[in-house]
Amino acid sequence: MAHSRRALLRSALMVAGGAALSSCVSSTVRVAAAPAAPVPLPHVPPVPAAPVVAARSASAPAGVRPELFKRAVAALNRHSMRVPSHDRIAIADFAASSSQRRFHLVNMGNGQVETFLVAHGIGSDPEHTGLLQRFSNQPNSEATCEGAFLTADYYVGKHGDSQRLLGLDPTNNNALDRAIVIHSAWYSNPDMIAKHGKLGRSQGCFAVGQQDLAKVFERLGPGRMIYSAKV
């Protein structure tokens, strides 16, 4: 199974090899695309023959809506053989405004939750209302996509420290080709809410505040699931 998964990843990356490292910028600042360069194979820990799922409460952790948590757990179970680490997951609640802390990092063993601000894509909110209007998996849509993602390797790109994501569902399986990643951005800092009542927008990436990125990377690491939805 691990050999087959690595072969699939390598095949996907051969297609995506010429893509820019990340396409996410704010709605007000455009960064010129970097010259195409070879993209290293994302490193994901090998999948064990039978992943051990951490014990979890039947009820949703505090601060996470029950129906959203239920769907995230179902996604983790559905993709259990493709997600090496089940001890923590991230849940992006895109039913909430960007002014709210809606990126939940959940410890599946004890139910503890850490929550962060996260931006959505320009194409998901063309009028910049602060609310995600739609998802899209289409290239050049500049939109956020929904579904389960697998966190992959870290790299340094035009947005600094970043982490690649692999889409596990038909609704987000273009994530690698679209360079949908986790990175930090000034427009995801809390002072944006004080000034504008909402965050800026990415081009589909999970852009978190500059002071939060290190903690998000530490909690997730490679080989864990992010679930993105609007329920």
Protein backbone atom coordinates (compact mmCIF):
# COMPACT_ATOMS: atom_id res chain seq x y z
CA MET A 1 0.00 0.00 0.00
CA ALA A 2 2.77 2.49 0.94
CA HIS A 3 4.68 1.70 -2.25
CA SER A 4 1.54 2.20 -4.34
CA ARG A 5 0.72 5.51 -2.63
CA ARG A 6 4.22 6.84 -3.18
CA ALA A 7 3.99 5.86 -6.85
CA LEU A 8 0.72 7.75 -7.17
CA LEU A 9 2.23 10.82 -5.50
CA ARG A 10 5.24 10.70 -7.78
CA SER A 11 2.95 10.42 -10.82
CA ALA A 12 0.88 13.40 -9.66
CA LEU A 13 3.98 15.46 -9.08
CA MET A 14 5.36 14.72 -12.54
CA VAL A 15 2.24 16.43 -13.86
CA ALA A 16 2.52 19.30 -11.39
CA GLY A 17 6.28 19.68 -11.67
CA GLY A 18 6.11 22.85 -13.68
CA ALA A 19 3.59 24.61 -11.44
CA ALA A 20 4.52 27.64 -9.35
CA LEU A 21 5.24 26.86 -5.73
CA SER A 22 2.28 28.86 -4.46
CA SER A 23 -0.39 30.96 -6.11
CA CYS A 24 -1.85 32.61 -3.03
CA VAL A 25 -1.72 36.37 -2.57
CA SER A 26 -3.95 38.99 -1.00
CA SER A 27 -6.72 40.70 -2.87
CA THR A 28 -4.72 43.94 -2.98
CA VAL A 29 -1.17 42.78 -3.61
CA ARG A 30 -0.13 40.73 -6.64
CA VAL A 31 3.19 38.91 -6.71
CA ALA A 32 4.75 38.04 -10.04
CA ALA A 33 4.92 34.32 -10.70
CA ALA A 34 8.35 32.81 -10.15
CA PRO A 35 10.01 30.92 -13.01
CA ALA A 36 8.91 27.30 -13.17
CA ALA A 37 11.21 24.98 -11.26
CA PRO A 38 11.25 21.28 -10.47
CA VAL A 39 9.00 20.46 -7.52
CA PRO A 40 10.49 17.98 -5.03
CA LEU A 41 8.44 14.95 -4.10
CA PRO A 42 6.37 15.78 -0.99
CA HIS A 43 7.53 13.81 2.00
CA VAL A 44 4.72 11.98 3.77
CA PRO A 45 5.47 9.39 6.47
CA PRO A 46 4.80 5.81 5.33
CA VAL A 47 1.28 4.57 5.96
CA PRO A 48 1.17 1.71 8.49
CA ALA A 49 -0.64 -1.48 7.51
CA ALA A 50 -3.38 -0.72 10.04
CA PRO A 51 -3.38 2.91 11.27
CA VAL A 52 -4.28 3.31 14.91
CA VAL A 53 -7.09 5.82 15.35
CA ALA A 54 -6.89 7.79 18.60
CA ALA A 55 -9.81 7.35 20.95
CA ARG A 56 -12.30 10.15 20.63
CA SER A 57 -15.39 11.36 22.35
CA ALA A 58 -18.78 10.81 20.72
CA SER A 59 -19.48 14.51 21.18
CA ALA A 60 -17.82 17.39 19.35
CA PRO A 61 -15.04 19.26 21.18
CA ALA A 62 -15.89 22.67 22.60
CA GLY A 63 -15.96 25.34 19.90
CA VAL A 64 -16.43 22.93 16.97
CA ARG A 65 -19.93 22.58 15.56
CA PRO A 66 -21.23 19.00 16.02
CA GLU A 67 -22.29 18.37 12.42
CA LEU A 68 -18.96 19.65 11.09
CA PHE A 69 -17.02 17.49 13.55
CA LYS A 70 -19.12 14.47 12.58
CA ARG A 71 -18.28 14.97 8.92
CA ALA A 72 -14.59 15.48 9.68
CA VAL A 73 -14.46 12.22 11.63
CA ALA A 74 -16.25 10.44 8.79
CA ALA A 75 -13.64 11.81 6.36
CA LEU A 76 -10.80 10.63 8.61
CA ASN A 77 -12.31 7.15 8.72
CA ARG A 78 -12.91 7.14 4.96
CA HIS A 79 -9.28 8.06 4.25
CA SER A 80 -7.78 6.20 7.20
CA MET A 81 -5.33 4.18 5.11
CA ARG A 82 -4.01 7.34 3.41
CA VAL A 83 -3.56 9.43 6.56
CA PRO A 84 -0.62 8.14 8.64
CA SER A 85 -1.30 10.14 11.85
CA HIS A 86 -4.75 10.26 13.44
CA ASP A 87 -3.84 11.89 16.73
CA ARG A 88 -4.66 15.44 15.56
CA ILE A 89 -6.69 16.91 12.73
CA ALA A 90 -7.48 20.42 11.51
CA ILE A 91 -11.04 21.51 10.68
CA ALA A 92 -11.63 24.67 8.62
CA ASP A 93 -15.16 25.90 9.31
CA PHE A 94 -15.94 28.03 6.28
CA ALA A 95 -19.53 28.60 7.36
CA ALA A 96 -18.07 31.19 9.73
CA SER A 97 -16.91 34.68 8.76
CA SER A 98 -13.21 35.34 8.24
CA SER A 99 -13.44 37.65 11.25
CA GLN A 100 -13.85 34.57 13.46
CA ARG A 101 -11.28 32.01 14.53
CA ARG A 102 -12.45 29.15 12.35
CA PHE A 103 -9.36 26.97 11.81
CA HIS A 104 -9.63 24.36 14.57
CA LEU A 105 -6.71 22.10 15.50
CA VAL A 106 -8.26 19.19 17.40
CA ASN A 107 -6.43 16.71 19.62
CA MET A 108 -8.41 13.55 18.90
CA GLY A 109 -7.26 11.87 22.08
CA ASN A 110 -8.31 14.42 24.72
CA GLY A 111 -10.61 16.71 22.74
CA GLN A 112 -8.52 19.85 23.29
CA VAL A 113 -8.87 22.48 20.57
CA GLU A 114 -6.65 25.37 19.45
CA THR A 115 -8.30 27.79 17.05
CA PHE A 116 -6.80 30.28 14.59
CA LEU A 117 -7.80 32.82 11.98
CA VAL A 118 -7.62 31.64 8.37
CA ALA A 119 -8.37 33.37 5.07
CA HIS A 120 -10.42 32.00 2.18
CA GLY A 121 -9.91 32.52 -1.55
CA ILE A 122 -10.78 35.52 -3.70
CA GLY A 123 -12.81 33.29 -6.01
CA SER A 124 -14.85 32.04 -3.06
CA ASP A 125 -15.87 35.58 -2.05
CA PRO A 126 -15.68 37.88 -5.10
CA GLU A 127 -17.43 40.77 -3.36
CA HIS A 128 -15.16 40.47 -0.32
CA THR A 129 -18.00 40.13 2.18
CA GLY A 130 -15.90 38.15 4.65
CA LEU A 131 -18.05 35.06 4.05
CA LEU A 132 -17.18 32.17 1.76
CA GLN A 133 -19.83 32.00 -0.97
CA ARG A 134 -18.69 28.96 -2.93
CA PHE A 135 -15.97 26.33 -3.24
CA SER A 136 -14.14 25.42 -6.42
CA ASN A 137 -11.60 22.80 -7.43
CA GLN A 138 -10.95 24.40 -10.81
CA PRO A 139 -7.50 25.72 -11.78
CA ASN A 140 -7.28 29.52 -11.90
CA SER A 141 -10.51 29.87 -9.90
CA GLU A 142 -8.63 31.51 -6.99
CA ALA A 143 -11.18 29.75 -4.79
CA THR A 144 -10.98 27.65 -1.65
CA CYS A 145 -11.80 23.98 -2.19
CA GLU A 146 -13.61 21.62 0.15
CA GLY A 147 -12.87 18.12 1.36
CA ALA A 148 -10.08 16.25 3.12
CA PHE A 149 -6.43 17.17 2.59
CA LEU A 150 -3.26 15.36 3.61
CA THR A 151 -0.46 17.58 4.90
CA ALA A 152 2.81 16.94 3.04
CA ASP A 153 6.27 18.54 3.09
CA TYR A 154 7.51 22.01 3.99
CA TYR A 155 9.33 24.33 1.61
CA VAL A 156 10.30 27.98 1.34
CA GLY A 157 8.52 29.80 -1.47
CA LYS A 158 7.45 33.32 -2.37
CA HIS A 159 5.32 33.44 0.80
CA GLY A 160 8.14 32.16 3.01
CA ASP A 161 7.69 28.96 4.97
CA SER A 162 4.88 26.91 3.42
CA GLN A 163 3.45 23.39 3.50
CA ARG A 164 2.11 21.46 0.52
CA LEU A 165 -1.27 19.75 0.66
CA LEU A 166 -2.61 16.74 -1.22
CA GLY A 167 -6.34 16.69 -1.95
CA LEU A 168 -7.94 13.35 -1.09
CA ASP A 169 -11.44 13.94 -2.51
CA PRO A 170 -12.87 14.65 -5.98
CA THR A 171 -13.73 18.14 -4.70
CA ASN A 172 -10.06 19.04 -4.02
CA ASN A 173 -7.91 16.63 -6.01
CA ASN A 174 -6.40 19.53 -7.98
CA ALA A 175 -4.91 21.03 -4.80
CA LEU A 176 -1.33 20.03 -5.62
CA ASP A 177 -1.55 21.27 -9.20
CA ARG A 178 -3.12 24.53 -7.99
CA ALA A 179 -0.42 24.97 -5.34
CA ILE A 180 -3.00 25.11 -2.53
CA VAL A 181 -0.80 25.23 0.56
CA ILE A 182 -0.59 26.49 4.13
CA HIS A 183 1.36 29.73 4.51
CA SER A 184 1.22 32.91 6.56
CA ALA A 185 0.09 36.34 5.35
CA TRP A 186 -0.17 39.85 6.73
CA TYR A 187 -3.79 39.98 5.61
CA SER A 188 -4.59 37.11 8.01
CA ASN A 189 -3.29 38.95 11.08
CA PRO A 190 -5.77 40.01 13.81
CA ASP A 191 -5.25 43.73 13.13
CA MET A 192 -7.09 43.29 9.81
CA ILE A 193 -10.27 42.61 11.75
CA ALA A 194 -9.81 45.71 13.88
CA LYS A 195 -9.32 47.81 10.76
CA HIS A 196 -11.69 46.17 8.26
CA GLY A 197 -13.92 43.76 10.18
CA LYS A 198 -12.60 40.79 8.15
CA LEU A 199 -9.42 39.25 6.79
CA GLY A 200 -8.02 39.72 3.32
CA ARG A 201 -8.33 36.91 0.78
CA SER A 202 -5.88 34.36 -0.58
CA GLN A 203 -5.97 32.67 -3.97
CA GLY A 204 -7.33 29.51 -2.38
CA CYS A 205 -4.61 28.74 0.17
CA PHE A 206 -5.08 28.29 3.92
CA ALA A 207 -3.38 31.58 4.87
CA VAL A 208 -2.97 32.03 8.63
CA GLY A 209 -1.57 34.89 10.69
CA GLN A 210 2.16 35.46 10.66
CA GLN A 211 2.46 34.82 14.41
CA ASP A 212 0.43 31.59 14.17
CA LEU A 213 2.25 29.75 11.40
CA ALA A 214 4.93 28.12 13.55
CA LYS A 215 2.35 26.72 15.96
CA VAL A 216 0.14 25.45 13.14
CA PHE A 217 3.13 23.70 11.56
CA GLU A 218 4.15 22.24 14.92
CA ARG A 219 0.67 20.86 15.64
CA LEU A 220 0.03 19.44 12.18
CA GLY A 221 3.33 18.31 10.72
CA PRO A 222 3.34 16.01 7.67
CA GLY A 223 0.88 13.14 7.44
CA ARG A 224 -2.25 14.56 9.10
CA MET A 225 -5.68 15.54 7.78
CA ILE A 226 -7.25 18.93 7.22
CA TYR A 227 -10.99 18.95 6.61
CA SER A 228 -12.46 21.98 4.83
CA ALA A 229 -16.22 22.46 4.66
CA LYS A 230 -19.18 24.79 4.94
CA VAL A 231 -21.92 22.97 6.84
